[in-house]
N, C-alpha and C. Protein backbone atom coordinates (compact mmCIF):
# COMPACT_ATOMS: atom_id res chain seq x y z
N UNK A 1 105.82 114.82 126.83
CA UNK A 1 107.30 114.42 126.76
C UNK A 1 107.96 115.38 127.39
N UNK A 2 108.85 114.71 128.43
CA UNK A 2 109.64 115.77 129.09
C UNK A 2 110.98 116.52 127.94
N UNK A 3 111.39 115.50 127.22
CA UNK A 3 112.47 115.91 126.33
C UNK A 3 111.93 115.41 124.68
N UNK A 4 111.39 116.59 124.23
CA UNK A 4 110.90 116.38 122.89
C UNK A 4 112.14 115.81 121.96
N UNK A 5 111.95 115.19 120.81
CA UNK A 5 112.92 114.64 120.02
C UNK A 5 113.67 115.58 119.40
N UNK A 6 115.08 115.31 119.36
CA UNK A 6 116.01 116.08 118.47
C UNK A 6 116.25 115.52 117.11
N UNK A 7 116.20 114.12 117.30
CA UNK A 7 116.53 113.11 116.05
C UNK A 7 115.42 112.22 116.05
N UNK A 8 115.16 111.88 114.64
CA UNK A 8 114.20 110.80 114.32
C UNK A 8 114.74 109.75 113.47
N UNK A 9 114.91 108.41 114.03
CA UNK A 9 115.24 107.33 113.29
C UNK A 9 114.10 106.67 112.29
N UNK A 10 113.93 106.88 110.92
CA UNK A 10 112.67 106.18 110.42
C UNK A 10 113.11 105.33 109.44
N UNK A 11 112.26 104.18 110.05
CA UNK A 11 112.30 102.89 108.99
C UNK A 11 111.47 103.55 107.61
N UNK A 12 111.76 102.52 106.48
CA UNK A 12 111.25 102.96 105.38
C UNK A 12 109.77 102.19 105.01
N UNK A 13 110.19 100.76 104.72
CA UNK A 13 109.50 99.71 104.33
C UNK A 13 108.11 99.65 105.46
N UNK A 14 107.12 99.90 105.08
CA UNK A 14 105.74 99.54 105.95
C UNK A 14 105.65 100.97 106.83
N UNK A 15 106.83 101.55 106.93
CA UNK A 15 106.59 102.96 108.00
C UNK A 15 106.53 104.31 107.24
N UNK A 16 107.14 104.25 106.23
CA UNK A 16 107.26 105.52 105.33
C UNK A 16 106.66 105.38 104.05
N UNK A 17 106.79 104.01 103.54
CA UNK A 17 106.28 103.80 101.92
C UNK A 17 105.97 102.42 102.29
N UNK A 18 104.90 101.90 101.30
CA UNK A 18 104.34 100.45 101.22
C UNK A 18 104.19 100.38 99.88
N UNK A 19 104.37 99.04 99.23
CA UNK A 19 104.99 97.80 99.99
C UNK A 19 106.38 98.01 99.73
N UNK A 20 107.20 97.34 99.91
CA UNK A 20 108.61 97.02 100.18
C UNK A 20 109.21 97.88 98.86
N UNK A 21 110.18 98.55 99.05
CA UNK A 21 110.97 99.30 98.00
C UNK A 21 111.48 98.28 96.91
N UNK A 22 112.04 97.29 97.72
CA UNK A 22 112.80 96.32 96.77
C UNK A 22 111.87 95.43 95.93
N UNK A 23 110.95 95.21 96.68
CA UNK A 23 109.92 94.25 96.08
C UNK A 23 109.28 95.10 94.61
N UNK A 24 108.95 96.61 94.86
CA UNK A 24 108.69 97.26 93.88
C UNK A 24 109.39 97.33 92.76
N UNK A 25 110.69 97.69 93.17
CA UNK A 25 111.93 97.82 92.07
C UNK A 25 111.88 96.73 91.17
N UNK A 26 111.85 95.56 91.66
CA UNK A 26 111.89 94.10 91.26
C UNK A 26 111.01 93.94 90.27
N UNK A 27 109.62 94.15 90.72
CA UNK A 27 108.59 94.12 89.85
C UNK A 27 108.56 95.13 88.67
N UNK A 28 109.05 96.10 88.84
CA UNK A 28 109.25 97.29 87.77
C UNK A 28 110.24 96.67 86.80
N UNK A 29 111.35 96.36 87.29
CA UNK A 29 112.46 95.66 86.36
C UNK A 29 111.56 94.55 85.81
N UNK A 30 111.15 93.67 86.03
CA UNK A 30 110.68 92.55 85.29
C UNK A 30 109.35 93.05 84.25
N UNK A 31 108.50 93.79 84.94
CA UNK A 31 107.26 94.49 83.92
C UNK A 31 107.75 95.40 82.96
N UNK A 32 108.99 95.72 83.14
CA UNK A 32 109.59 96.59 81.81
C UNK A 32 110.39 95.81 81.17
N UNK A 33 110.81 94.58 81.29
CA UNK A 33 111.90 94.00 80.39
C UNK A 33 113.02 93.93 80.54
N UNK A 34 113.44 94.76 82.06
CA UNK A 34 114.94 95.10 82.30
C UNK A 34 115.18 93.87 82.99
N UNK A 35 114.92 92.87 83.30
CA UNK A 35 115.32 91.66 83.92
C UNK A 35 114.18 90.71 83.94
N UNK A 36 114.25 89.50 84.60
CA UNK A 36 113.46 88.43 84.37
C UNK A 36 113.73 87.55 85.62
N UNK A 37 112.49 86.47 85.95
CA UNK A 37 112.80 85.68 87.05
C UNK A 37 113.93 84.70 86.88
N UNK A 38 114.08 84.40 85.63
CA UNK A 38 115.22 83.45 85.33
C UNK A 38 116.58 84.18 85.55
N UNK A 39 116.71 85.12 85.20
CA UNK A 39 117.82 85.87 85.11
C UNK A 39 118.31 86.30 86.62
N UNK A 40 117.32 86.55 87.62
CA UNK A 40 117.57 86.99 88.97
C UNK A 40 117.82 85.50 89.47
N UNK A 41 117.14 84.47 89.16
CA UNK A 41 117.61 83.10 89.93
C UNK A 41 118.97 82.95 89.49
N UNK A 42 119.30 83.06 88.20
CA UNK A 42 120.59 82.57 87.94
C UNK A 42 121.83 83.36 88.57
N UNK A 43 121.33 84.64 88.76
CA UNK A 43 122.35 85.73 89.46
C UNK A 43 122.55 85.21 91.02
N UNK A 44 121.42 85.00 91.83
CA UNK A 44 121.54 84.39 93.14
C UNK A 44 122.28 83.28 93.44
N UNK A 45 121.98 82.42 92.46
CA UNK A 45 123.08 80.87 92.58
C UNK A 45 124.32 81.23 92.11
N UNK A 46 124.68 82.15 91.25
CA UNK A 46 126.13 82.52 91.10
C UNK A 46 126.67 83.27 92.74
N UNK A 47 125.83 84.06 93.12
CA UNK A 47 125.95 84.55 94.36
C UNK A 47 126.24 83.49 95.46
N UNK A 48 125.35 82.72 95.44
CA UNK A 48 125.61 81.72 96.46
C UNK A 48 126.83 80.85 96.41
N UNK A 49 127.70 80.90 95.46
CA UNK A 49 128.76 80.19 95.29
C UNK A 49 130.16 81.34 95.94
N UNK A 50 129.78 82.54 96.30
CA UNK A 50 130.90 83.39 96.68
C UNK A 50 131.09 82.97 98.07
N UNK A 51 132.25 83.37 98.28
CA UNK A 51 133.17 83.03 100.01
C UNK A 51 133.31 84.59 100.38
N UNK A 52 132.68 84.45 101.77
CA UNK A 52 132.09 83.60 102.67
C UNK A 52 130.69 83.53 102.42
N UNK A 53 129.96 82.08 102.48
CA UNK A 53 128.45 81.98 101.83
C UNK A 53 127.39 82.50 102.77
N UNK A 54 127.49 83.77 103.01
CA UNK A 54 126.54 84.32 104.03
C UNK A 54 125.38 84.94 103.14
N UNK A 55 124.15 84.91 103.71
CA UNK A 55 123.10 85.56 103.23
C UNK A 55 123.12 86.90 102.84
N UNK A 56 123.74 87.83 103.43
CA UNK A 56 123.65 89.16 102.90
C UNK A 56 124.42 89.21 101.66
N UNK A 57 125.40 88.23 101.21
CA UNK A 57 125.99 88.07 99.98
C UNK A 57 125.15 88.02 98.91
N UNK A 58 123.97 87.31 99.06
CA UNK A 58 123.00 87.33 98.14
C UNK A 58 121.73 88.26 98.12
N UNK A 59 122.07 89.38 98.72
CA UNK A 59 120.84 90.22 98.92
C UNK A 59 120.44 91.24 97.60
N UNK A 60 121.22 91.01 96.76
CA UNK A 60 120.92 92.13 95.50
C UNK A 60 121.19 91.28 94.05
N UNK A 61 120.66 90.17 93.71
CA UNK A 61 120.86 89.57 92.56
C UNK A 61 120.06 90.33 91.41
N UNK A 62 119.53 90.96 91.69
CA UNK A 62 118.48 92.05 90.39
C UNK A 62 119.37 92.92 89.95
N UNK A 63 120.41 93.22 90.52
CA UNK A 63 121.53 94.26 89.84
C UNK A 63 122.76 93.61 89.60
N UNK A 64 122.85 92.15 89.84
CA UNK A 64 124.34 91.73 89.60
C UNK A 64 125.05 92.06 88.36
N UNK A 65 126.26 92.54 88.19
CA UNK A 65 126.70 93.04 86.99
C UNK A 65 126.40 94.10 86.15
N UNK A 66 125.57 94.89 86.58
CA UNK A 66 124.90 95.94 86.00
C UNK A 66 125.92 97.15 86.46
N UNK A 67 125.94 97.96 85.50
CA UNK A 67 126.94 99.45 85.60
C UNK A 67 125.88 100.44 86.67
N UNK A 68 126.58 100.92 87.49
CA UNK A 68 125.95 101.62 88.54
C UNK A 68 125.07 102.84 87.99
N UNK A 69 125.48 103.50 86.65
CA UNK A 69 124.91 104.47 86.21
C UNK A 69 123.68 104.06 85.75
N UNK A 70 123.59 102.65 85.08
CA UNK A 70 122.21 102.18 84.52
C UNK A 70 121.37 102.05 85.82
N UNK A 71 121.87 101.55 86.72
CA UNK A 71 120.73 101.17 87.93
C UNK A 71 120.28 102.64 88.69
N UNK A 72 121.00 103.60 88.47
CA UNK A 72 120.56 104.69 88.84
C UNK A 72 119.39 105.46 88.02
N UNK A 73 119.83 104.91 86.72
CA UNK A 73 118.59 105.39 85.52
C UNK A 73 117.35 104.68 85.87
N UNK A 74 117.86 103.25 86.31
CA UNK A 74 116.24 102.60 86.37
C UNK A 74 115.80 103.12 87.61
N UNK A 75 116.60 103.48 88.84
CA UNK A 75 115.78 103.91 90.04
C UNK A 75 115.03 105.35 89.60
N UNK A 76 115.29 106.16 88.86
CA UNK A 76 114.71 107.25 88.40
C UNK A 76 113.66 106.90 87.70
N UNK A 77 113.50 106.03 86.77
CA UNK A 77 112.24 105.58 86.24
C UNK A 77 111.33 104.97 86.95
N UNK A 78 112.03 104.07 87.93
CA UNK A 78 110.97 103.41 88.89
C UNK A 78 110.25 104.37 89.45
N UNK A 79 111.12 105.39 90.10
CA UNK A 79 110.40 106.42 91.23
C UNK A 79 109.36 107.21 90.52
N UNK A 80 109.21 107.54 89.17
CA UNK A 80 108.24 108.25 88.46
C UNK A 80 107.00 107.47 88.06
N UNK A 81 107.71 105.96 87.85
CA UNK A 81 106.57 105.03 87.50
C UNK A 81 105.63 104.59 88.88
N UNK A 82 106.18 104.21 89.70
CA UNK A 82 105.64 103.70 91.11
C UNK A 82 106.08 104.51 92.72
N UNK A 83 107.41 104.70 92.29
CA UNK A 83 108.07 104.87 93.84
C UNK A 83 107.40 105.90 94.97
N UNK A 84 107.52 107.01 93.88
CA UNK A 84 106.92 108.04 94.61
C UNK A 84 105.52 107.86 95.19
N UNK A 85 104.73 107.38 94.38
CA UNK A 85 103.33 107.24 94.76
C UNK A 85 103.15 106.13 95.83
N UNK A 86 104.19 105.58 96.28
CA UNK A 86 104.06 104.40 97.48
C UNK A 86 104.44 105.13 98.87
N UNK A 87 104.91 106.41 98.73
CA UNK A 87 105.10 106.83 100.13
C UNK A 87 103.58 107.18 100.79
N UNK A 88 103.80 106.90 102.07
CA UNK A 88 102.52 106.94 102.78
C UNK A 88 102.19 108.46 103.24
N UNK A 89 101.13 108.86 103.34
CA UNK A 89 100.59 110.40 103.21
C UNK A 89 100.93 110.96 104.67
N UNK A 90 100.39 110.14 105.76
CA UNK A 90 100.49 110.72 107.11
C UNK A 90 101.80 110.64 107.38
N UNK A 91 102.94 109.70 107.23
CA UNK A 91 104.11 109.56 107.31
C UNK A 91 105.08 110.86 106.64
N UNK A 92 104.81 111.03 105.67
CA UNK A 92 105.16 112.11 104.65
C UNK A 92 104.92 113.33 105.21
N UNK A 93 103.76 113.85 105.68
CA UNK A 93 103.25 114.98 106.61
C UNK A 93 104.26 114.97 107.84
N UNK A 94 103.95 113.81 108.54
CA UNK A 94 104.88 114.07 109.68
C UNK A 94 106.39 114.11 109.51
N UNK A 95 106.87 113.71 108.76
CA UNK A 95 108.50 113.77 108.56
C UNK A 95 108.94 115.26 107.95
N UNK A 96 107.99 115.76 107.09
CA UNK A 96 107.84 117.16 106.69
C UNK A 96 108.19 118.08 108.05
N UNK A 97 107.04 117.82 108.86
CA UNK A 97 106.48 118.39 110.20
C UNK A 97 107.65 118.43 110.89
N UNK A 98 108.45 117.35 111.19
CA UNK A 98 109.57 117.34 112.21
C UNK A 98 110.61 117.84 111.68
N UNK A 99 111.02 118.06 110.48
CA UNK A 99 111.90 118.69 109.72
C UNK A 99 111.86 120.06 110.01
N UNK A 100 110.43 120.78 109.78
CA UNK A 100 110.42 122.14 110.13
C UNK A 100 110.60 122.58 111.27
N UNK A 101 110.47 121.59 112.21
CA UNK A 101 110.51 121.71 113.77
C UNK A 101 111.97 121.94 114.35
N UNK A 102 112.81 121.63 113.38
CA UNK A 102 114.19 121.37 113.81
C UNK A 102 114.59 119.92 114.14
N UNK A 103 113.74 118.76 114.10
CA UNK A 103 114.27 117.63 114.33
C UNK A 103 115.28 116.94 113.29
N UNK A 104 116.39 116.43 113.52
CA UNK A 104 117.09 115.84 112.45
C UNK A 104 116.58 114.36 112.10
N UNK A 105 116.30 114.33 110.75
CA UNK A 105 115.85 112.73 110.40
C UNK A 105 117.05 112.02 109.71
N UNK A 106 116.76 110.74 110.10
CA UNK A 106 117.80 109.79 109.48
C UNK A 106 117.10 108.30 108.99
N UNK A 107 117.06 108.32 107.79
CA UNK A 107 116.51 106.81 107.28
C UNK A 107 117.38 105.79 107.59
N UNK A 108 116.62 104.80 108.28
CA UNK A 108 117.24 103.59 108.79
C UNK A 108 116.40 102.19 108.36
N UNK A 109 116.94 101.63 107.26
CA UNK A 109 116.33 100.80 106.48
C UNK A 109 117.32 99.58 105.70
N UNK A 110 116.62 98.34 105.85
CA UNK A 110 117.46 97.33 105.27
C UNK A 110 117.18 97.12 103.81
N UNK A 111 116.78 98.04 103.04
CA UNK A 111 116.66 98.27 101.85
C UNK A 111 118.24 98.57 100.99
N UNK A 112 118.00 98.53 99.93
CA UNK A 112 119.41 98.71 99.17
C UNK A 112 119.47 100.21 99.21
N UNK A 113 120.83 100.63 99.37
CA UNK A 113 121.27 102.09 99.59
C UNK A 113 120.92 103.09 98.30
N UNK A 114 120.79 102.56 97.07
CA UNK A 114 120.54 103.32 95.86
C UNK A 114 118.81 103.43 95.90
N UNK A 115 118.12 102.64 96.52
CA UNK A 115 116.76 102.84 96.69
C UNK A 115 116.45 103.87 97.95
N UNK A 116 117.09 103.88 99.32
CA UNK A 116 117.10 104.65 100.18
C UNK A 116 117.51 106.04 99.90
N UNK A 117 118.53 106.03 99.18
CA UNK A 117 119.07 107.57 98.55
C UNK A 117 117.93 108.27 97.99
N UNK A 118 117.16 107.49 96.93
CA UNK A 118 116.23 108.10 96.36
C UNK A 118 115.06 108.85 97.11
N UNK A 119 114.69 108.11 98.18
CA UNK A 119 113.66 108.27 99.12
C UNK A 119 114.49 109.80 99.68
N UNK A 120 115.46 109.65 100.48
CA UNK A 120 115.99 110.44 101.02
C UNK A 120 116.12 111.87 100.33
N UNK A 121 116.62 111.89 99.13
CA UNK A 121 116.64 113.00 98.27
C UNK A 121 115.09 113.73 98.03
N UNK A 122 114.07 112.56 97.75
CA UNK A 122 112.69 113.23 97.68
C UNK A 122 112.27 114.26 99.12
N UNK A 123 113.04 113.82 100.10
CA UNK A 123 112.56 114.41 101.70
C UNK A 123 113.50 115.58 101.89
N UNK A 124 114.79 115.77 100.96
CA UNK A 124 115.81 116.61 101.52
C UNK A 124 116.42 116.33 102.68
N UNK A 125 116.46 114.87 103.19
CA UNK A 125 117.16 114.27 104.12
C UNK A 125 118.69 113.94 103.51
N UNK A 126 119.56 114.23 104.47
CA UNK A 126 120.67 114.31 103.81
C UNK A 126 121.40 112.90 104.49
N UNK A 127 120.92 112.14 105.43
CA UNK A 127 121.54 111.21 106.42
C UNK A 127 120.41 109.96 106.01
N UNK A 128 121.17 108.78 105.52
CA UNK A 128 120.41 107.66 105.62
C UNK A 128 121.21 106.42 106.01
N UNK A 129 120.84 105.40 106.53
CA UNK A 129 121.44 104.04 106.85
C UNK A 129 120.69 102.99 106.14
N UNK A 130 121.30 102.43 105.23
CA UNK A 130 120.75 101.44 104.38
C UNK A 130 121.78 100.27 103.95
N UNK A 131 121.15 98.99 103.19
CA UNK A 131 122.09 98.19 102.78
C UNK A 131 123.14 98.48 101.77
N UNK A 132 124.23 98.50 102.19
CA UNK A 132 125.23 99.27 101.16
C UNK A 132 126.00 98.12 100.18
N UNK A 133 125.45 98.60 98.97
CA UNK A 133 125.69 97.52 97.82
C UNK A 133 127.12 97.66 97.48
N UNK A 134 127.65 96.49 97.16
CA UNK A 134 129.03 96.47 96.64
C UNK A 134 129.23 96.73 95.26
N UNK A 135 130.18 97.39 95.11
CA UNK A 135 130.46 97.76 93.69
C UNK A 135 132.04 97.43 93.45
N UNK A 136 132.12 96.80 92.20
CA UNK A 136 133.53 96.84 92.01
C UNK A 136 133.66 97.13 90.37
N UNK A 137 134.68 97.82 89.98
CA UNK A 137 134.94 98.24 88.68
C UNK A 137 133.64 99.00 88.07
N UNK A 138 133.16 99.81 88.97
CA UNK A 138 131.96 100.49 88.39
C UNK A 138 130.56 99.55 88.14
N UNK A 139 130.35 98.53 88.79
CA UNK A 139 129.35 97.44 88.47
C UNK A 139 128.98 97.29 89.83
N UNK A 140 127.61 96.65 90.12
CA UNK A 140 127.04 96.08 91.10
C UNK A 140 127.46 94.64 91.15
N UNK A 141 127.91 94.14 92.02
CA UNK A 141 128.23 92.66 92.20
C UNK A 141 126.80 91.74 92.62
N UNK A 142 125.78 92.39 93.15
CA UNK A 142 124.71 91.86 93.71
C UNK A 142 124.88 91.62 95.17
N UNK A 143 125.92 91.89 95.70
CA UNK A 143 126.19 91.53 97.22
C UNK A 143 126.13 92.73 97.97
N UNK A 144 126.03 92.74 99.27
CA UNK A 144 126.46 93.84 100.37
C UNK A 144 127.66 93.80 101.02
N UNK A 145 128.31 94.92 101.15
CA UNK A 145 129.49 94.83 101.81
C UNK A 145 129.46 94.30 103.35
N UNK A 146 128.28 94.55 103.92
CA UNK A 146 128.24 94.08 105.55
C UNK A 146 126.59 93.63 105.45
N UNK A 147 126.26 92.89 106.45
CA UNK A 147 125.09 92.70 106.87
C UNK A 147 124.10 93.72 106.78
N UNK A 148 122.83 93.86 106.28
CA UNK A 148 122.00 94.98 105.86
C UNK A 148 121.40 95.46 107.37
N UNK A 149 120.81 96.55 107.53
CA UNK A 149 120.44 96.85 108.91
C UNK A 149 118.91 96.46 109.05
N UNK A 150 118.92 95.23 109.95
CA UNK A 150 117.74 94.56 110.11
C UNK A 150 117.79 94.12 111.58
N UNK A 151 116.76 93.94 112.39
CA UNK A 151 116.74 93.57 113.73
C UNK A 151 117.98 94.00 114.77
N UNK A 152 118.84 93.25 115.41
CA UNK A 152 119.82 93.79 115.94
C UNK A 152 120.85 94.59 115.22
N UNK A 153 121.04 94.04 113.97
CA UNK A 153 121.85 94.96 112.95
C UNK A 153 121.48 96.37 112.99
N UNK A 154 120.34 96.74 112.94
CA UNK A 154 119.70 97.93 112.93
C UNK A 154 120.15 98.74 114.05
N UNK A 155 120.09 98.48 115.21
CA UNK A 155 120.55 98.88 116.54
C UNK A 155 121.79 99.14 116.28
N UNK A 156 122.82 98.22 115.90
CA UNK A 156 124.07 98.20 116.00
C UNK A 156 124.65 99.58 114.98
N UNK A 157 123.94 99.76 113.77
CA UNK A 157 124.31 100.61 112.98
C UNK A 157 123.81 102.02 113.60
N UNK A 158 122.61 102.18 114.08
CA UNK A 158 122.21 103.28 114.66
C UNK A 158 123.15 103.83 115.94
N UNK A 159 123.64 102.72 116.71
CA UNK A 159 124.41 103.37 117.89
C UNK A 159 125.63 103.80 117.46
N UNK A 160 126.18 103.14 116.20
CA UNK A 160 127.48 103.54 115.71
C UNK A 160 127.29 104.96 115.29
N UNK A 161 126.33 105.29 114.64
CA UNK A 161 125.90 106.71 114.05
C UNK A 161 125.56 107.55 115.07
N UNK A 162 125.03 106.92 116.20
CA UNK A 162 124.58 108.23 117.26
C UNK A 162 125.95 108.41 117.93
N UNK A 163 126.97 107.30 118.19
CA UNK A 163 128.23 107.62 118.94
C UNK A 163 129.03 108.54 118.11
N UNK A 164 129.14 108.63 117.15
CA UNK A 164 129.87 109.61 116.39
C UNK A 164 129.58 110.87 116.57
N UNK A 165 128.25 111.20 116.74
CA UNK A 165 127.75 112.65 116.75
C UNK A 165 127.31 112.51 118.20
N UNK A 166 127.58 111.88 118.99
CA UNK A 166 127.14 112.18 120.57
C UNK A 166 125.76 112.54 121.09
N UNK A 167 124.62 111.79 119.92
CA UNK A 167 123.69 112.32 120.33
C UNK A 167 122.80 111.39 121.36
N UNK A 168 121.76 112.03 121.73
CA UNK A 168 121.18 111.37 123.09
C UNK A 168 120.01 110.52 122.82
N UNK A 169 120.25 109.20 123.09
CA UNK A 169 118.84 108.41 123.04
C UNK A 169 117.52 108.85 123.61
N UNK A 170 117.60 109.28 124.63
CA UNK A 170 116.34 109.66 125.11
C UNK A 170 115.67 111.01 124.44
N UNK A 171 116.44 111.54 123.80
CA UNK A 171 115.63 112.43 122.80
C UNK A 171 115.50 112.26 121.42
N UNK A 172 115.61 110.70 121.13
CA UNK A 172 115.43 110.17 119.95
C UNK A 172 113.99 109.74 119.99
N UNK A 173 113.35 109.74 118.48
CA UNK A 173 112.29 109.13 118.30
C UNK A 173 112.53 108.03 117.19
N UNK A 174 111.99 106.67 117.22
CA UNK A 174 112.43 105.75 116.46
C UNK A 174 110.91 105.06 116.01
N UNK A 175 110.95 105.10 114.71
CA UNK A 175 109.55 104.66 114.04
C UNK A 175 109.94 103.28 113.39
N UNK A 176 108.99 102.29 113.55
CA UNK A 176 109.21 101.15 112.77
C UNK A 176 107.71 100.45 112.73
N UNK A 177 107.60 99.33 111.83
CA UNK A 177 106.49 98.59 111.64
C UNK A 177 106.56 96.76 111.80
N UNK A 178 107.96 96.66 112.05
CA UNK A 178 108.14 95.22 111.99
C UNK A 178 108.93 94.62 113.23
N UNK A 179 108.48 93.23 113.69
CA UNK A 179 109.31 92.95 114.90
C UNK A 179 110.57 92.97 114.76
N UNK A 180 111.23 92.96 113.75
CA UNK A 180 112.83 93.20 113.53
C UNK A 180 113.28 94.36 114.07
N UNK A 181 112.31 95.44 114.28
CA UNK A 181 112.56 96.68 114.94
C UNK A 181 112.69 96.78 116.06
N UNK A 182 112.16 96.05 116.95
CA UNK A 182 111.80 96.06 118.45
C UNK A 182 113.19 96.40 118.83
N UNK A 183 114.46 95.83 118.83
CA UNK A 183 115.87 96.35 119.61
C UNK A 183 115.96 97.92 119.39
N UNK A 184 115.71 98.43 118.02
CA UNK A 184 115.72 99.78 117.85
C UNK A 184 114.71 100.70 118.72
N UNK A 185 113.62 100.03 118.58
CA UNK A 185 112.62 101.08 119.54
C UNK A 185 112.84 100.62 120.89
N UNK A 186 113.18 99.74 121.42
CA UNK A 186 113.33 99.52 122.69
C UNK A 186 114.53 100.79 123.36
N UNK A 187 115.60 101.18 122.46
CA UNK A 187 116.53 101.86 122.85
C UNK A 187 115.92 103.23 122.82
N UNK A 188 115.02 103.66 122.04
CA UNK A 188 114.73 105.11 122.16
C UNK A 188 114.01 105.88 122.96
N UNK A 189 114.07 106.92 123.36
CA UNK A 189 113.21 107.60 124.13
C UNK A 189 111.78 107.76 123.78
N UNK A 190 111.48 107.83 122.40
CA UNK A 190 109.87 107.94 122.14
C UNK A 190 109.96 106.78 121.04
N UNK A 191 109.47 105.37 121.11
CA UNK A 191 109.33 104.65 120.18
C UNK A 191 107.97 104.40 119.65
N UNK A 192 107.80 104.56 118.40
CA UNK A 192 106.28 104.70 117.91
C UNK A 192 106.32 103.33 116.83
N UNK A 193 105.38 102.55 117.03
CA UNK A 193 105.02 101.50 116.10
C UNK A 193 103.80 101.74 115.05
N UNK A 194 104.24 102.04 114.01
CA UNK A 194 103.54 102.53 113.04
C UNK A 194 102.96 101.52 112.12
N UNK A 195 101.57 101.31 111.64
CA UNK A 195 101.24 100.32 110.88
C UNK A 195 101.79 99.07 111.09
N UNK A 196 101.72 98.83 112.60
CA UNK A 196 102.66 97.56 113.03
C UNK A 196 102.18 96.10 112.50
N UNK A 197 102.96 95.26 112.36
CA UNK A 197 102.66 93.79 111.97
C UNK A 197 102.21 93.35 113.18
N UNK A 198 101.44 92.05 113.17
CA UNK A 198 101.13 91.65 114.46
C UNK A 198 101.91 91.36 115.50
N UNK A 199 103.18 90.75 115.37
CA UNK A 199 104.07 90.58 116.53
C UNK A 199 104.39 91.84 117.10
N UNK A 200 104.91 92.79 116.35
CA UNK A 200 105.30 94.25 116.86
C UNK A 200 104.18 95.11 117.57
N UNK A 201 102.68 94.79 117.25
CA UNK A 201 101.56 95.23 117.66
C UNK A 201 101.64 94.75 119.28
N UNK A 202 101.81 93.41 119.43
CA UNK A 202 101.54 92.81 120.70
C UNK A 202 102.74 93.06 121.72
N UNK A 203 104.01 93.30 121.03
CA UNK A 203 105.04 93.67 121.92
C UNK A 203 104.93 95.10 122.23
N UNK A 204 104.47 96.10 121.37
CA UNK A 204 104.11 97.34 121.49
C UNK A 204 103.27 97.51 122.82
N UNK A 205 102.07 97.02 122.51
CA UNK A 205 101.16 96.96 123.65
C UNK A 205 101.71 96.60 125.02
N UNK A 206 102.61 95.33 124.94
CA UNK A 206 103.15 94.76 126.10
C UNK A 206 104.18 95.96 126.87
N UNK A 207 104.77 96.55 126.01
CA UNK A 207 105.77 97.72 126.59
C UNK A 207 104.90 99.07 126.73
N UNK A 208 103.76 99.16 126.15
CA UNK A 208 103.39 100.55 126.56
C UNK A 208 103.69 101.40 125.21
N UNK A 209 104.20 101.10 124.37
CA UNK A 209 104.56 102.00 123.40
C UNK A 209 103.41 102.33 122.58
N UNK A 210 103.48 103.78 121.85
CA UNK A 210 102.44 104.26 121.14
C UNK A 210 102.13 103.37 119.69
N UNK A 211 100.89 102.86 119.61
CA UNK A 211 100.71 102.23 118.32
C UNK A 211 99.92 103.07 117.37
N UNK A 212 100.28 103.61 116.24
CA UNK A 212 99.48 104.36 115.38
C UNK A 212 99.35 103.68 113.86
N UNK A 213 98.52 104.07 113.31
CA UNK A 213 98.25 103.81 112.01
C UNK A 213 98.59 105.40 111.00
N UNK A 214 98.85 104.95 109.90
CA UNK A 214 99.39 106.15 109.33
C UNK A 214 98.70 107.48 109.31
N UNK A 215 97.38 107.52 109.19
CA UNK A 215 96.66 108.59 109.43
C UNK A 215 96.52 109.34 110.69
N UNK A 216 96.89 108.54 111.90
CA UNK A 216 96.96 108.79 113.27
C UNK A 216 98.55 109.69 113.50
N UNK A 217 99.33 109.15 112.68
CA UNK A 217 101.04 109.68 113.02
C UNK A 217 101.04 111.04 113.37
N UNK A 218 100.61 112.09 112.37
CA UNK A 218 100.89 113.31 112.27
C UNK A 218 100.56 114.08 113.97
N UNK A 219 99.16 113.87 114.16
CA UNK A 219 98.61 113.97 115.57
C UNK A 219 99.47 113.56 116.92
N UNK A 220 99.75 111.99 116.46
CA UNK A 220 100.20 111.57 117.82
C UNK A 220 101.88 112.02 117.95
N UNK A 221 102.66 112.26 116.43
CA UNK A 221 103.82 112.98 117.00
C UNK A 221 103.79 114.22 117.48
N UNK A 222 102.65 115.17 117.01
CA UNK A 222 102.81 116.51 117.37
C UNK A 222 102.60 116.64 118.82
N UNK A 223 101.94 115.89 119.64
CA UNK A 223 101.72 115.79 121.00
C UNK A 223 103.31 115.68 121.72
N UNK A 224 104.08 115.23 121.24
CA UNK A 224 105.33 115.06 121.64
C UNK A 224 106.54 115.84 121.28
N UNK A 225 106.01 117.08 120.37
CA UNK A 225 107.05 117.89 119.91
C UNK A 225 106.70 119.50 120.38
């Protein structure tokens, strides 16, 4: 690669960790008696009545009305119970390797910001873009303040971040696993489909993008650094 990456935009779910962080977290809350399906459904129905009635307003019913301090405590318990073990070994090694070589890392995920923040802290990464949970009077409302980073929105958030820092897309590596990551991958100088779902695998093959499994990722990125 003529211009080795100076920046890496990392998806989380399916790329850096599996399964979905939110799915793990909700399972943890129900398994430990901190929530229940009935409570989550009731919260989702109440959120559906909010105006404007957009889907991102219903994104986090599992933390509706909970104090921020309690949710952060739950996140720590979940991380010790399951979260840290869900990190993919190849991606983890590659992320550490890139940081050691001076590549700036930004986690870019549609997951909730309080979960992305825990992953970022684990890796010593200071920058992340995730679903911004709405907080009123010290409690989560269960809504997001804006659409979560997915599909075209993920690229929009990345472009806003890049514009503020005058970073160069041709020296950016983007990593994702889902067809919703295609707009972002198409913009990056080094797009990498990691453990891709079928639609992304087909699109990556059509465009000639690297397609790697987690165990292949360290060697694949090393070639371009």
